[in-house]
Amino acid sequence: MGEGLQIFVGIVLLIGVFLFSRVVMGWRIRRACQQILADLESKGAFDPFSAVELPYSKVKFINIGLRDFRPKALQYMLQHDVVGLTEAGRYYLKPAWKNVRRD
């Protein structure tokens, strides 16, 4: 195999690995969103008066084990008005959560 072909194959494989890692990260964030929605729904946090604290809302700088995507997913849902945040740091579901896909 020529040197140019090896470089081309290497670049294609590198791009493929990068795209695959982005797909896996998106899948894990989507799964974390579903877990957060289920958690808030099971706790009955549907308005600011029934809001609950979530132990995974803060990012841990020292984390042993796999990466936790729940803080990033929670920030995403806050930005898209699916989840609300009270001044006391408690979270609740906004009415838009019913429009979120559950697959």
PDB file of N, CA and C in Angstrom:
ATOM      1  N   MET A   1       0.840  -1.164   0.000  1.00  0.00           N
ATOM      2  CA  MET A   1       0.000   0.000   0.000  1.00  0.00           C
ATOM      3  C   MET A   1       0.890   1.234   0.000  1.00  0.00           C
ATOM      4  N   GLY A   2       0.524   2.192  -0.824  1.00  0.00           N
ATOM      5  CA  GLY A   2       1.325   3.403  -0.923  1.00  0.00           C
ATOM      6  C   GLY A   2       1.152   4.306   0.292  1.00  0.00           C
ATOM      7  N   GLU A   3       2.114   5.185   0.438  1.00  0.00           N
ATOM      8  CA  GLU A   3       2.099   6.076   1.595  1.00  0.00           C
ATOM      9  C   GLU A   3       0.899   7.020   1.563  1.00  0.00           C
ATOM     10  N   GLY A   4       0.531   7.516   0.400  1.00  0.00           N
ATOM     11  CA  GLY A   4      -0.626   8.408   0.268  1.00  0.00           C
ATOM     12  C   GLY A   4      -1.922   7.708   0.634  1.00  0.00           C
ATOM     13  N   LEU A   5      -2.046   6.445   0.228  1.00  0.00           N
ATOM     14  CA  LEU A   5      -3.245   5.667   0.548  1.00  0.00           C
ATOM     15  C   LEU A   5      -3.329   5.395   2.049  1.00  0.00           C
ATOM     16  N   GLN A   6      -2.202   5.131   2.692  1.00  0.00           N
ATOM     17  CA  GLN A   6      -2.186   4.909   4.136  1.00  0.00           C
ATOM     18  C   GLN A   6      -2.627   6.161   4.891  1.00  0.00           C
ATOM     19  N   ILE A   7      -2.165   7.316   4.438  1.00  0.00           N
ATOM     20  CA  ILE A   7      -2.565   8.570   5.074  1.00  0.00           C
ATOM     21  C   ILE A   7      -4.059   8.797   4.887  1.00  0.00           C
ATOM     22  N   PHE A   8      -4.571   8.530   3.693  1.00  0.00           N
ATOM     23  CA  PHE A   8      -5.990   8.691   3.409  1.00  0.00           C
ATOM     24  C   PHE A   8      -6.831   7.762   4.286  1.00  0.00           C
ATOM     25  N   VAL A   9      -6.449   6.505   4.375  1.00  0.00           N
ATOM     26  CA  VAL A   9      -7.179   5.541   5.211  1.00  0.00           C
ATOM     27  C   VAL A   9      -7.119   5.963   6.680  1.00  0.00           C
ATOM     28  N   GLY A  10      -5.989   6.448   7.134  1.00  0.00           N
ATOM     29  CA  GLY A  10      -5.852   6.913   8.516  1.00  0.00           C
ATOM     30  C   GLY A  10      -6.765   8.084   8.817  1.00  0.00           C
ATOM     31  N   ILE A  11      -6.845   9.027   7.888  1.00  0.00           N
ATOM     32  CA  ILE A  11      -7.718  10.189   8.072  1.00  0.00           C
ATOM     33  C   ILE A  11      -9.181   9.767   8.079  1.00  0.00           C
ATOM     34  N   VAL A  12      -9.556   8.873   7.182  1.00  0.00           N
ATOM     35  CA  VAL A  12     -10.939   8.385   7.139  1.00  0.00           C
ATOM     36  C   VAL A  12     -11.295   7.661   8.438  1.00  0.00           C
ATOM     37  N   LEU A  13     -10.394   6.838   8.948  1.00  0.00           N
ATOM     38  CA  LEU A  13     -10.646   6.144  10.211  1.00  0.00           C
ATOM     39  C   LEU A  13     -10.747   7.133  11.374  1.00  0.00           C
ATOM     40  N   LEU A  14      -9.909   8.141  11.382  1.00  0.00           N
ATOM     41  CA  LEU A  14      -9.954   9.153  12.433  1.00  0.00           C
ATOM     42  C   LEU A  14     -11.285   9.898  12.412  1.00  0.00           C
ATOM     43  N   ILE A  15     -11.759  10.269  11.249  1.00  0.00           N
ATOM     44  CA  ILE A  15     -13.052  10.944  11.118  1.00  0.00           C
ATOM     45  C   ILE A  15     -14.172  10.009  11.567  1.00  0.00           C
ATOM     46  N   GLY A  16     -14.086   8.742  11.194  1.00  0.00           N
ATOM     47  CA  GLY A  16     -15.097   7.762  11.600  1.00  0.00           C
ATOM     48  C   GLY A  16     -15.156   7.589  13.106  1.00  0.00           C
ATOM     49  N   VAL A  17     -14.013   7.507  13.760  1.00  0.00           N
ATOM     50  CA  VAL A  17     -13.977   7.370  15.218  1.00  0.00           C
ATOM     51  C   VAL A  17     -14.535   8.620  15.878  1.00  0.00           C
ATOM     52  N   PHE A  18     -14.211   9.797  15.355  1.00  0.00           N
ATOM     53  CA  PHE A  18     -14.743  11.038  15.912  1.00  0.00           C
ATOM     54  C   PHE A  18     -16.257  11.084  15.803  1.00  0.00           C
ATOM     55  N   LEU A  19     -16.806  10.761  14.632  1.00  0.00           N
ATOM     56  CA  LEU A  19     -18.259  10.776  14.444  1.00  0.00           C
ATOM     57  C   LEU A  19     -18.946   9.738  15.331  1.00  0.00           C
ATOM     58  N   PHE A  20     -18.342   8.569  15.462  1.00  0.00           N
ATOM     59  CA  PHE A  20     -18.904   7.535  16.322  1.00  0.00           C
ATOM     60  C   PHE A  20     -18.944   7.991  17.776  1.00  0.00           C
ATOM     61  N   SER A  21     -17.886   8.656  18.234  1.00  0.00           N
ATOM     62  CA  SER A  21     -17.862   9.133  19.623  1.00  0.00           C
ATOM     63  C   SER A  21     -18.933  10.202  19.849  1.00  0.00           C
ATOM     64  N   ARG A  22     -19.189  11.059  18.859  1.00  0.00           N
ATOM     65  CA  ARG A  22     -20.238  12.075  18.983  1.00  0.00           C
ATOM     66  C   ARG A  22     -21.620  11.429  19.048  1.00  0.00           C
ATOM     67  N   VAL A  23     -21.849  10.386  18.271  1.00  0.00           N
ATOM     68  CA  VAL A  23     -23.136   9.686  18.304  1.00  0.00           C
ATOM     69  C   VAL A  23     -23.345   9.024  19.658  1.00  0.00           C
ATOM     70  N   VAL A  24     -22.316   8.388  20.184  1.00  0.00           N
ATOM     71  CA  VAL A  24     -22.416   7.727  21.489  1.00  0.00           C
ATOM     72  C   VAL A  24     -22.663   8.764  22.589  1.00  0.00           C
ATOM     73  N   MET A  25     -21.997   9.909  22.531  1.00  0.00           N
ATOM     74  CA  MET A  25     -22.210  10.945  23.531  1.00  0.00           C
ATOM     75  C   MET A  25     -23.638  11.473  23.455  1.00  0.00           C
ATOM     76  N   GLY A  26     -24.157  11.691  22.265  1.00  0.00           N
ATOM     77  CA  GLY A  26     -25.542  12.132  22.109  1.00  0.00           C
ATOM     78  C   GLY A  26     -26.524  11.118  22.657  1.00  0.00           C
ATOM     79  N   TRP A  27     -26.245   9.847  22.434  1.00  0.00           N
ATOM     80  CA  TRP A  27     -27.113   8.790  22.944  1.00  0.00           C
ATOM     81  C   TRP A  27     -27.103   8.777  24.469  1.00  0.00           C
ATOM     82  N   ARG A  28     -25.932   8.957  25.061  1.00  0.00           N
ATOM     83  CA  ARG A  28     -25.831   8.945  26.524  1.00  0.00           C
ATOM     84  C   ARG A  28     -26.491  10.176  27.146  1.00  0.00           C
ATOM     85  N   ILE A  29     -26.402  11.334  26.505  1.00  0.00           N
ATOM     86  CA  ILE A  29     -27.072  12.525  27.016  1.00  0.00           C
ATOM     87  C   ILE A  29     -28.582  12.370  26.896  1.00  0.00           C
ATOM     88  N   ARG A  30     -29.059  11.808  25.802  1.00  0.00           N
ATOM     89  CA  ARG A  30     -30.491  11.570  25.642  1.00  0.00           C
ATOM     90  C   ARG A  30     -31.000  10.611  26.706  1.00  0.00           C
ATOM     91  N   ARG A  31     -30.220   9.584  26.995  1.00  0.00           N
ATOM     92  CA  ARG A  31     -30.594   8.637  28.043  1.00  0.00           C
ATOM     93  C   ARG A  31     -30.600   9.297  29.421  1.00  0.00           C
ATOM     94  N   ALA A  32     -29.651  10.192  29.663  1.00  0.00           N
ATOM     95  CA  ALA A  32     -29.611  10.932  30.930  1.00  0.00           C
ATOM     96  C   ALA A  32     -30.835  11.848  31.055  1.00  0.00           C
ATOM     97  N   CYS A  33     -31.251  12.462  29.949  1.00  0.00           N
ATOM     98  CA  CYS A  33     -32.455  13.300  29.970  1.00  0.00           C
ATOM     99  C   CYS A  33     -33.678  12.474  30.348  1.00  0.00           C
ATOM    100  N   GLN A  34     -33.788  11.287  29.794  1.00  0.00           N
ATOM    101  CA  GLN A  34     -34.912  10.419  30.114  1.00  0.00           C
ATOM    102  C   GLN A  34     -34.885  10.005  31.580  1.00  0.00           C
ATOM    103  N   GLN A  35     -33.700   9.760  32.126  1.00  0.00           N
ATOM    104  CA  GLN A  35     -33.593   9.411  33.546  1.00  0.00           C
ATOM    105  C   GLN A  35     -34.006  10.576  34.439  1.00  0.00           C
ATOM    106  N   ILE A  36     -33.614  11.778  34.078  1.00  0.00           N
ATOM    107  CA  ILE A  36     -33.980  12.957  34.867  1.00  0.00           C
ATOM    108  C   ILE A  36     -35.489  13.176  34.821  1.00  0.00           C
ATOM    109  N   LEU A  37     -36.072  13.056  33.630  1.00  0.00           N
ATOM    110  CA  LEU A  37     -37.517  13.216  33.510  1.00  0.00           C
ATOM    111  C   LEU A  37     -38.255  12.184  34.350  1.00  0.00           C
ATOM    112  N   ALA A  38     -37.801  10.939  34.305  1.00  0.00           N
ATOM    113  CA  ALA A  38     -38.442   9.891  35.098  1.00  0.00           C
ATOM    114  C   ALA A  38     -38.275  10.150  36.590  1.00  0.00           C
ATOM    115  N   ASP A  39     -37.120  10.644  36.975  1.00  0.00           N
ATOM    116  CA  ASP A  39     -36.852  10.939  38.387  1.00  0.00           C
ATOM    117  C   ASP A  39     -37.764  12.054  38.893  1.00  0.00           C
ATOM    118  N   LEU A  40     -37.850  13.139  38.146  1.00  0.00           N
ATOM    119  CA  LEU A  40     -38.710  14.244  38.557  1.00  0.00           C
ATOM    120  C   LEU A  40     -40.182  13.855  38.528  1.00  0.00           C
ATOM    121  N   GLU A  41     -40.560  13.053  37.545  1.00  0.00           N
ATOM    122  CA  GLU A  41     -41.949  12.607  37.449  1.00  0.00           C
ATOM    123  C   GLU A  41     -42.317  11.696  38.619  1.00  0.00           C
ATOM    124  N   SER A  42     -41.410  10.798  38.991  1.00  0.00           N
ATOM    125  CA  SER A  42     -41.700   9.886  40.097  1.00  0.00           C
ATOM    126  C   SER A  42     -41.758  10.614  41.435  1.00  0.00           C
ATOM    127  N   LYS A  43     -41.033  11.725  41.562  1.00  0.00           N
ATOM    128  CA  LYS A  43     -41.059  12.511  42.795  1.00  0.00           C
ATOM    129  C   LYS A  43     -42.206  13.516  42.818  1.00  0.00           C
ATOM    130  N   GLY A  44     -42.941  13.632  41.704  1.00  0.00           N
ATOM    131  CA  GLY A  44     -44.091  14.534  41.646  1.00  0.00           C
ATOM    132  C   GLY A  44     -43.723  15.997  41.606  1.00  0.00           C
ATOM    133  N   ALA A  45     -42.607  16.336  41.018  1.00  0.00           N
ATOM    134  CA  ALA A  45     -42.145  17.725  40.935  1.00  0.00           C
ATOM    135  C   ALA A  45     -42.668  18.363  39.655  1.00  0.00           C
ATOM    136  N   PHE A  46     -43.929  18.841  39.715  1.00  0.00           N
ATOM    137  CA  PHE A  46     -44.565  19.395  38.522  1.00  0.00           C
ATOM    138  C   PHE A  46     -44.745  20.910  38.572  1.00  0.00           C
ATOM    139  N   ASP A  47     -44.416  21.532  39.683  1.00  0.00           N
ATOM    140  CA  ASP A  47     -44.511  22.982  39.792  1.00  0.00           C
ATOM    141  C   ASP A  47     -43.470  23.473  40.802  1.00  0.00           C
ATOM    142  N   PRO A  48     -43.276  24.787  40.900  1.00  0.00           N
ATOM    143  CA  PRO A  48     -42.237  25.297  41.817  1.00  0.00           C
ATOM    144  C   PRO A  48     -42.480  24.944  43.292  1.00  0.00           C
ATOM    145  N   PHE A  49     -43.733  24.706  43.663  1.00  0.00           N
ATOM    146  CA  PHE A  49     -44.041  24.397  45.057  1.00  0.00           C
ATOM    147  C   PHE A  49     -43.689  22.953  45.422  1.00  0.00           C
ATOM    148  N   SER A  50     -43.667  22.070  44.435  1.00  0.00           N
ATOM    149  CA  SER A  50     -43.315  20.668  44.692  1.00  0.00           C
ATOM    150  C   SER A  50     -41.920  20.333  44.162  1.00  0.00           C
ATOM    151  N   ALA A  51     -41.120  21.351  43.879  1.00  0.00           N
ATOM    152  CA  ALA A  51     -39.774  21.144  43.320  1.00  0.00           C
ATOM    153  C   ALA A  51     -38.898  20.383  44.306  1.00  0.00           C
ATOM    154  N   VAL A  52     -37.953  19.616  43.761  1.00  0.00           N
ATOM    155  CA  VAL A  52     -37.069  18.786  44.587  1.00  0.00           C
ATOM    156  C   VAL A  52     -35.610  19.087  44.244  1.00  0.00           C
ATOM    157  N   GLU A  53     -34.735  18.766  45.194  1.00  0.00           N
ATOM    158  CA  GLU A  53     -33.309  18.885  44.935  1.00  0.00           C
ATOM    159  C   GLU A  53     -32.830  17.631  44.225  1.00  0.00           C
ATOM    160  N   LEU A  54     -31.909  17.791  43.324  1.00  0.00           N
ATOM    161  CA  LEU A  54     -31.328  16.661  42.612  1.00  0.00           C
ATOM    162  C   LEU A  54     -29.857  16.553  43.002  1.00  0.00           C
ATOM    163  N   PRO A  55     -29.443  15.392  43.490  1.00  0.00           N
ATOM    164  CA  PRO A  55     -28.050  15.260  43.957  1.00  0.00           C
ATOM    165  C   PRO A  55     -27.024  15.353  42.840  1.00  0.00           C
ATOM    166  N   TYR A  56     -27.429  15.124  41.623  1.00  0.00           N
ATOM    167  CA  TYR A  56     -26.491  15.139  40.498  1.00  0.00           C
ATOM    168  C   TYR A  56     -26.533  16.462  39.739  1.00  0.00           C
ATOM    169  N   SER A  57     -27.110  17.499  40.315  1.00  0.00           N
ATOM    170  CA  SER A  57     -27.205  18.773  39.610  1.00  0.00           C
ATOM    171  C   SER A  57     -25.878  19.514  39.557  1.00  0.00           C
ATOM    172  N   LYS A  58     -24.989  19.230  40.465  1.00  0.00           N
ATOM    173  CA  LYS A  58     -23.673  19.875  40.478  1.00  0.00           C
ATOM    174  C   LYS A  58     -22.645  18.979  39.801  1.00  0.00           C
ATOM    175  N   VAL A  59     -21.734  19.592  39.071  1.00  0.00           N
ATOM    176  CA  VAL A  59     -20.672  18.856  38.401  1.00  0.00           C
ATOM    177  C   VAL A  59     -19.580  18.535  39.412  1.00  0.00           C
ATOM    178  N   LYS A  60     -19.187  17.286  39.467  1.00  0.00           N
ATOM    179  CA  LYS A  60     -18.100  16.881  40.353  1.00  0.00           C
ATOM    180  C   LYS A  60     -16.789  16.970  39.569  1.00  0.00           C
ATOM    181  N   PHE A  61     -15.796  17.620  40.160  1.00  0.00           N
ATOM    182  CA  PHE A  61     -14.527  17.756  39.467  1.00  0.00           C
ATOM    183  C   PHE A  61     -13.660  16.513  39.628  1.00  0.00           C
ATOM    184  N   ILE A  62     -13.825  15.821  40.743  1.00  0.00           N
ATOM    185  CA  ILE A  62     -13.114  14.564  40.949  1.00  0.00           C
ATOM    186  C   ILE A  62     -14.154  13.448  40.870  1.00  0.00           C
ATOM    187  N   ASN A  63     -14.123  12.714  39.785  1.00  0.00           N
ATOM    188  CA  ASN A  63     -15.117  11.675  39.564  1.00  0.00           C
ATOM    189  C   ASN A  63     -14.396  10.365  39.287  1.00  0.00           C
ATOM    190  N   ILE A  64     -14.715   9.369  40.064  1.00  0.00           N
ATOM    191  CA  ILE A  64     -14.131   8.050  39.852  1.00  0.00           C
ATOM    192  C   ILE A  64     -15.159   7.206  39.115  1.00  0.00           C
ATOM    193  N   GLY A  65     -14.758   6.614  38.029  1.00  0.00           N
ATOM    194  CA  GLY A  65     -15.671   5.788  37.257  1.00  0.00           C
ATOM    195  C   GLY A  65     -16.031   6.454  35.942  1.00  0.00           C
ATOM    196  N   LEU A  66     -17.180   6.077  35.409  1.00  0.00           N
ATOM    197  CA  LEU A  66     -17.624   6.613  34.129  1.00  0.00           C
ATOM    198  C   LEU A  66     -18.112   8.047  34.266  1.00  0.00           C
ATOM    199  N   ARG A  67     -18.103   8.760  33.168  1.00  0.00           N
ATOM    200  CA  ARG A  67     -18.543  10.149  33.164  1.00  0.00           C
ATOM    201  C   ARG A  67     -20.043  10.216  33.391  1.00  0.00           C
ATOM    202  N   ASP A  68     -20.480  11.161  34.221  1.00  0.00           N
ATOM    203  CA  ASP A  68     -21.891  11.366  34.511  1.00  0.00           C
ATOM    204  C   ASP A  68     -22.423  12.463  33.594  1.00  0.00           C
ATOM    205  N   PHE A  69     -23.361  12.126  32.724  1.00  0.00           N
ATOM    206  CA  PHE A  69     -23.910  13.077  31.769  1.00  0.00           C
ATOM    207  C   PHE A  69     -25.146  13.790  32.304  1.00  0.00           C
ATOM    208  N   ARG A  70     -25.618  13.438  33.499  1.00  0.00           N
ATOM    209  CA  ARG A  70     -26.839  14.043  34.025  1.00  0.00           C
ATOM    210  C   ARG A  70     -26.712  15.550  34.264  1.00  0.00           C
ATOM    211  N   PRO A  71     -25.598  16.083  34.790  1.00  0.00           N
ATOM    212  CA  PRO A  71     -25.519  17.555  34.935  1.00  0.00           C
ATOM    213  C   PRO A  71     -25.600  18.294  33.599  1.00  0.00           C
ATOM    214  N   LYS A  72     -24.960  17.765  32.573  1.00  0.00           N
ATOM    215  CA  LYS A  72     -25.014  18.392  31.248  1.00  0.00           C
ATOM    216  C   LYS A  72     -26.420  18.283  30.660  1.00  0.00           C
ATOM    217  N   ALA A  73     -27.071  17.138  30.851  1.00  0.00           N
ATOM    218  CA  ALA A  73     -28.435  16.953  30.361  1.00  0.00           C
ATOM    219  C   ALA A  73     -29.397  17.881  31.096  1.00  0.00           C
ATOM    220  N   LEU A  74     -29.183  18.069  32.378  1.00  0.00           N
ATOM    221  CA  LEU A  74     -30.026  18.960  33.161  1.00  0.00           C
ATOM    222  C   LEU A  74     -29.880  20.401  32.680  1.00  0.00           C
ATOM    223  N   GLN A  75     -28.653  20.836  32.398  1.00  0.00           N
ATOM    224  CA  GLN A  75     -28.440  22.180  31.854  1.00  0.00           C
ATOM    225  C   GLN A  75     -29.115  22.338  30.490  1.00  0.00           C
ATOM    226  N   TYR A  76     -29.054  21.304  29.672  1.00  0.00           N
ATOM    227  CA  TYR A  76     -29.699  21.341  28.358  1.00  0.00           C
ATOM    228  C   TYR A  76     -31.209  21.509  28.515  1.00  0.00           C
ATOM    229  N   MET A  77     -31.795  20.756  29.452  1.00  0.00           N
ATOM    230  CA  MET A  77     -33.246  20.840  29.645  1.00  0.00           C
ATOM    231  C   MET A  77     -33.656  22.163  30.287  1.00  0.00           C
ATOM    232  N   LEU A  78     -32.798  22.766  31.092  1.00  0.00           N
ATOM    233  CA  LEU A  78     -33.076  24.095  31.637  1.00  0.00           C
ATOM    234  C   LEU A  78     -33.092  25.142  30.521  1.00  0.00           C
ATOM    235  N   GLN A  79     -32.166  25.049  29.597  1.00  0.00           N
ATOM    236  CA  GLN A  79     -32.079  26.004  28.494  1.00  0.00           C
ATOM    237  C   GLN A  79     -33.265  25.896  27.548  1.00  0.00           C
ATOM    238  N   HIS A  80     -33.830  24.685  27.429  1.00  0.00           N
ATOM    239  CA  HIS A  80     -34.938  24.460  26.501  1.00  0.00           C
ATOM    240  C   HIS A  80     -36.300  24.447  27.201  1.00  0.00           C
ATOM    241  N   ASP A  81     -36.360  24.980  28.420  1.00  0.00           N
ATOM    242  CA  ASP A  81     -37.601  25.135  29.192  1.00  0.00           C
ATOM    243  C   ASP A  81     -38.381  23.836  29.367  1.00  0.00           C
ATOM    244  N   VAL A  82     -37.680  22.755  29.554  1.00  0.00           N
ATOM    245  CA  VAL A  82     -38.320  21.486  29.882  1.00  0.00           C
ATOM    246  C   VAL A  82     -38.358  21.327  31.396  1.00  0.00           C
ATOM    247  N   VAL A  83     -37.302  21.796  32.052  1.00  0.00           N
ATOM    248  CA  VAL A  83     -37.181  21.739  33.505  1.00  0.00           C
ATOM    249  C   VAL A  83     -37.004  23.164  34.014  1.00  0.00           C
ATOM    250  N   GLY A  84     -37.610  23.445  35.167  1.00  0.00           N
ATOM    251  CA  GLY A  84     -37.480  24.758  35.780  1.00  0.00           C
ATOM    252  C   GLY A  84     -36.612  24.693  37.024  1.00  0.00           C
ATOM    253  N   LEU A  85     -36.052  25.825  37.400  1.00  0.00           N
ATOM    254  CA  LEU A  85     -35.183  25.926  38.568  1.00  0.00           C
ATOM    255  C   LEU A  85     -35.723  27.029  39.470  1.00  0.00           C
ATOM    256  N   THR A  86     -35.915  26.704  40.748  1.00  0.00           N
ATOM    257  CA  THR A  86     -36.361  27.712  41.701  1.00  0.00           C
ATOM    258  C   THR A  86     -35.152  28.465  42.240  1.00  0.00           C
ATOM    259  N   GLU A  87     -35.410  29.540  42.977  1.00  0.00           N
ATOM    260  CA  GLU A  87     -34.315  30.322  43.559  1.00  0.00           C
ATOM    261  C   GLU A  87     -33.582  29.536  44.639  1.00  0.00           C
ATOM    262  N   ALA A  88     -34.257  28.551  45.222  1.00  0.00           N
ATOM    263  CA  ALA A  88     -33.646  27.733  46.273  1.00  0.00           C
ATOM    264  C   ALA A  88     -32.798  26.603  45.708  1.00  0.00           C
ATOM    265  N   GLY A  89     -32.716  26.492  44.385  1.00  0.00           N
ATOM    266  CA  GLY A  89     -31.899  25.449  43.766  1.00  0.00           C
ATOM    267  C   GLY A  89     -32.624  24.121  43.614  1.00  0.00           C
ATOM    268  N   ARG A  90     -33.932  24.163  43.553  1.00  0.00           N
ATOM    269  CA  ARG A  90     -34.733  22.941  43.366  1.00  0.00           C
ATOM    270  C   ARG A  90     -35.266  22.904  41.938  1.00  0.00           C
ATOM    271  N   TYR A  91     -35.512  21.695  41.447  1.00  0.00           N
ATOM    272  CA  TYR A  91     -35.910  21.500  40.056  1.00  0.00           C
ATOM    273  C   TYR A  91     -37.329  20.948  39.980  1.00  0.00           C
ATOM    274  N   TYR A  92     -38.026  21.337  38.896  1.00  0.00           N
ATOM    275  CA  TYR A  92     -39.380  20.843  38.651  1.00  0.00           C
ATOM    276  C   TYR A  92     -39.611  20.756  37.143  1.00  0.00           C
ATOM    277  N   LEU A  93     -40.631  20.000  36.764  1.00  0.00           N
ATOM    278  CA  LEU A  93     -40.967  19.835  35.354  1.00  0.00           C
ATOM    279  C   LEU A  93     -41.893  20.954  34.912  1.00  0.00           C
ATOM    280  N   LYS A  94     -41.598  21.550  33.773  1.00  0.00           N
ATOM    281  CA  LYS A  94     -42.476  22.546  33.177  1.00  0.00           C
ATOM    282  C   LYS A  94     -43.444  21.819  32.238  1.00  0.00           C
ATOM    283  N   PRO A  95     -44.528  22.462  31.822  1.00  0.00           N
ATOM    284  CA  PRO A  95     -45.495  21.783  30.951  1.00  0.00           C
ATOM    285  C   PRO A  95     -44.901  21.273  29.632  1.00  0.00           C
ATOM    286  N   ALA A  96     -43.796  21.830  29.182  1.00  0.00           N
ATOM    287  CA  ALA A  96     -43.192  21.405  27.911  1.00  0.00           C
ATOM    288  C   ALA A  96     -42.611  19.999  27.985  1.00  0.00           C
ATOM    289  N   TRP A  97     -42.462  19.409  29.180  1.00  0.00           N
ATOM    290  CA  TRP A  97     -41.862  18.080  29.303  1.00  0.00           C
ATOM    291  C   TRP A  97     -42.734  17.021  28.644  1.00  0.00           C
ATOM    292  N   LYS A  98     -44.020  17.290  28.479  1.00  0.00           N
ATOM    293  CA  LYS A  98     -44.911  16.303  27.855  1.00  0.00           C
ATOM    294  C   LYS A  98     -44.619  16.142  26.364  1.00  0.00           C
ATOM    295  N   ASN A  99     -43.964  17.132  25.766  1.00  0.00           N
ATOM    296  CA  ASN A  99     -43.652  17.084  24.341  1.00  0.00           C
ATOM    297  C   ASN A  99     -42.339  16.358  24.039  1.00  0.00           C
ATOM    298  N   VAL A 100     -41.614  15.936  25.063  1.00  0.00           N
ATOM    299  CA  VAL A 100     -40.322  15.286  24.877  1.00  0.00           C
ATOM    300  C   VAL A 100     -40.552  13.837  24.471  1.00  0.00           C
ATOM    301  N   ARG A 101     -39.810  13.392  23.461  1.00  0.00           N
ATOM    302  CA  ARG A 101     -39.913  11.997  23.002  1.00  0.00           C
ATOM    303  C   ARG A 101     -39.395  11.054  24.053  1.00  0.00           C
ATOM    304  N   ARG A 102     -40.004   9.887  24.173  1.00  0.00           N
ATOM    305  CA  ARG A 102     -39.624   8.904  25.178  1.00  0.00           C
ATOM    306  C   ARG A 102     -39.132   7.605  24.549  1.00  0.00           C
ATOM    307  N   ASP A 103     -38.393   7.681  23.467  1.00  0.00           N
ATOM    308  CA  ASP A 103     -37.922   6.435  22.838  1.00  0.00           C
ATOM    309  C   ASP A 103     -36.455   6.211  23.013  1.00  0.00           C
TER     310      ASP A 103
END
